[in-house]
Amino acid sequence: MRYVTAEEFTGHINKQVLAQLTDSKTGEPDMELLEHVNDDAASEVDDYLRGIYALPLPEPAPRTIKAITADIMKFRLYERRDAGNLPDTILKLYQIAIGKLKDIQARRLTLAAPGVDGTGSGGSGVIKQWAPAPLFRPHFTRLLGDEFTPTSHYETDCKKKL
């Protein structure tokens, strides 16, 4: 499943740079290679979304997925050209894209797309709550019956020690 068309991708990268990255001698991008890179990037995106969202995502794909796919495609093209000399910005964009995919996978970021179970946003339709375990015992809130008096607790504790 492709999430970015060739026309959309040229909006993310200069056409001359794209022609150089695809080793085109005509000055136009090599569309066959671009389709192969697009398929690889879409497959990588699908690997993170599998089990959360119904795949393939409906057309048109969410803008977030289009941007992530374009960043992965740029990385793959530069890596294919010279993996040892990747520009820092391309590497950073790829790392951010993978971070977003991990956020989607961990459900910290949701997409407007149907989930695996048929509900929207990839969720189960159930609100879940999580709270950390308390760090300290509630030692200042002990009650004896209905009333609380600090001296009664102190006296009780002292008698236990004797």
Protein backbone atom coordinates (compact mmCIF):
# COMPACT_ATOMS: atom_id res chain seq x y z
CA MET A 1 0.00 0.00 0.00
CA ARG A 2 1.42 3.32 -1.02
CA TYR A 3 0.57 6.31 1.12
CA VAL A 4 2.43 8.97 -0.92
CA THR A 5 2.09 9.52 -4.65
CA ALA A 6 5.05 10.61 -6.77
CA GLU A 7 3.53 14.09 -7.12
CA GLU A 8 3.11 14.41 -3.35
CA PHE A 9 6.65 13.21 -2.76
CA THR A 10 8.12 15.87 -5.06
CA GLY A 11 6.55 18.38 -2.67
CA HIS A 12 8.84 16.99 0.06
CA ILE A 13 12.06 16.94 -1.96
CA ASN A 14 13.54 18.96 -4.82
CA LYS A 15 12.98 17.32 -8.20
CA GLN A 16 16.64 17.72 -9.23
CA VAL A 17 17.84 16.14 -5.97
CA LEU A 18 15.34 13.34 -6.49
CA ALA A 19 16.71 12.72 -10.00
CA GLN A 20 20.25 12.56 -8.57
CA LEU A 21 19.22 10.20 -5.77
CA THR A 22 17.55 7.83 -8.22
CA ASP A 23 20.64 7.88 -10.50
CA SER A 24 18.65 9.25 -13.39
CA LYS A 25 20.69 10.41 -16.36
CA THR A 26 17.72 12.08 -18.06
CA GLY A 27 17.15 14.70 -15.36
CA GLU A 28 13.82 13.13 -14.46
CA PRO A 29 13.40 10.85 -11.42
CA ASP A 30 13.54 7.09 -12.05
CA MET A 31 9.91 6.21 -11.37
CA GLU A 32 10.53 2.46 -11.11
CA LEU A 33 13.08 2.95 -8.33
CA LEU A 34 10.84 5.52 -6.66
CA GLU A 35 7.95 3.04 -6.63
CA HIS A 36 10.21 0.40 -5.08
CA VAL A 37 11.33 2.81 -2.33
CA ASN A 38 7.71 3.87 -1.79
CA ASP A 39 6.65 0.24 -1.35
CA ASP A 40 9.45 -0.35 1.17
CA ALA A 41 8.52 2.77 3.15
CA ALA A 42 4.82 1.88 3.16
CA SER A 43 5.68 -1.64 4.30
CA GLU A 44 7.72 -0.22 7.20
CA VAL A 45 4.80 2.02 8.19
CA ASP A 46 2.39 -0.94 7.98
CA ASP A 47 4.64 -3.00 10.25
CA TYR A 48 4.17 -0.45 13.04
CA LEU A 49 0.41 -0.08 12.43
CA ARG A 50 -0.36 -3.80 12.14
CA GLY A 51 -2.62 -5.03 14.93
CA ILE A 52 -3.78 -1.50 15.80
CA TYR A 53 -5.37 -0.21 12.61
CA ALA A 54 -7.21 -2.01 9.82
CA LEU A 55 -4.76 -2.21 6.93
CA PRO A 56 -4.55 -0.90 4.32
CA LEU A 57 -5.49 2.52 5.65
CA PRO A 58 -8.39 4.14 3.80
CA GLU A 59 -7.63 6.56 0.97
CA PRO A 60 -6.60 9.28 1.33
CA ALA A 61 -4.14 8.34 4.06
CA PRO A 62 -3.90 10.65 7.09
CA ARG A 63 -1.46 13.55 6.61
CA THR A 64 0.69 12.27 9.46
CA ILE A 65 1.20 8.96 7.66
CA LYS A 66 1.96 10.75 4.39
CA ALA A 67 4.66 12.86 6.08
CA ILE A 68 6.14 9.84 7.90
CA THR A 69 6.23 7.82 4.66
CA ALA A 70 7.89 10.70 2.78
CA ASP A 71 10.59 11.04 5.47
CA ILE A 72 11.27 7.29 5.37
CA MET A 73 11.47 7.44 1.55
CA LYS A 74 14.00 10.30 1.71
CA PHE A 75 16.09 8.31 4.19
CA ARG A 76 15.99 5.18 2.01
CA LEU A 77 17.02 7.13 -1.10
CA TYR A 78 19.95 8.83 0.65
CA GLU A 79 20.96 5.57 2.33
CA ARG A 80 20.91 3.77 -1.00
CA ARG A 81 23.14 6.46 -2.51
CA ASP A 82 25.78 6.67 0.25
CA ALA A 83 24.97 5.13 3.64
CA GLY A 84 28.23 6.40 5.16
CA ASN A 85 27.55 10.08 4.41
CA LEU A 86 23.90 10.59 5.31
CA PRO A 87 23.03 14.24 5.92
CA ASP A 88 22.24 14.85 9.58
CA THR A 89 18.86 16.39 8.75
CA ILE A 90 17.77 13.31 6.79
CA LEU A 91 18.85 11.01 9.62
CA LYS A 92 17.05 13.19 12.19
CA LEU A 93 13.86 13.24 10.08
CA TYR A 94 13.98 9.45 9.86
CA GLN A 95 14.45 9.12 13.63
CA ILE A 96 11.52 11.49 14.26
CA ALA A 97 9.35 9.50 11.81
CA ILE A 98 10.17 6.23 13.57
CA GLY A 99 9.49 7.91 16.92
CA LYS A 100 6.04 8.95 15.68
CA LEU A 101 5.35 5.40 14.51
CA LYS A 102 6.35 4.09 17.94
CA ASP A 103 4.02 6.65 19.54
CA ILE A 104 1.20 5.41 17.30
CA GLN A 105 2.05 1.83 18.20
CA ALA A 106 2.03 2.68 21.94
CA ARG A 107 -1.26 4.56 21.40
CA ARG A 108 0.18 7.89 22.55
CA LEU A 109 -0.73 9.23 19.11
CA THR A 110 -3.91 8.20 17.30
CA LEU A 111 -4.99 8.39 13.70
CA ALA A 112 -8.42 9.09 12.30
CA ALA A 113 -8.67 5.59 10.84
CA PRO A 114 -10.65 2.45 11.64
CA GLY A 115 -9.09 0.13 14.18
CA VAL A 116 -8.62 -3.61 13.84
CA ASP A 117 -11.79 -4.28 15.83
CA GLY A 118 -13.87 -1.98 13.61
CA THR A 119 -13.91 1.00 15.98
CA GLY A 120 -12.44 4.35 15.03
CA SER A 121 -8.98 5.62 16.03
CA GLY A 122 -7.48 2.19 16.51
CA GLY A 123 -8.85 1.89 20.01
CA SER A 124 -11.05 -0.66 21.66
CA GLY A 125 -13.75 1.89 22.51
CA VAL A 126 -13.00 1.47 26.21
CA ILE A 127 -11.50 4.18 28.36
CA LYS A 128 -8.62 2.80 30.38
CA GLN A 129 -7.05 4.42 33.37
CA TRP A 130 -3.69 3.81 34.94
CA ALA A 131 -2.26 5.28 38.10
CA PRO A 132 1.09 4.56 39.71
CA ALA A 133 1.24 2.73 43.02
CA PRO A 134 1.51 5.03 46.05
CA LEU A 135 5.03 5.62 47.28
CA PHE A 136 4.22 6.15 50.97
CA ARG A 137 1.82 4.63 53.47
CA PRO A 138 -0.99 6.95 54.51
CA HIS A 139 0.44 7.21 58.05
CA PHE A 140 -1.06 10.63 58.82
CA THR A 141 -4.57 9.61 57.95
CA ARG A 142 -5.12 6.67 60.30
CA LEU A 143 -8.49 6.91 61.97
CA LEU A 144 -9.64 5.37 65.21
CA GLY A 145 -13.35 5.06 64.84
CA ASP A 146 -14.85 8.27 63.53
CA GLU A 147 -12.51 10.77 65.09
CA PHE A 148 -8.86 11.52 64.70
CA THR A 149 -6.75 12.84 67.53
CA PRO A 150 -2.99 12.93 67.22
CA THR A 151 -2.47 12.27 70.94
CA SER A 152 -4.59 9.13 70.88
CA HIS A 153 -2.42 7.72 68.09
CA TYR A 154 0.73 8.68 69.93
CA GLU A 155 -0.47 7.09 73.13
CA THR A 156 -1.58 3.95 71.30
CA ASP A 157 1.79 3.65 69.55
CA CYS A 158 3.68 4.19 72.82
CA LYS A 159 1.67 1.50 74.64
CA LYS A 160 2.41 -0.98 71.81
CA LYS A 161 6.13 -0.43 72.23
CA LEU A 162 6.04 -1.03 76.03
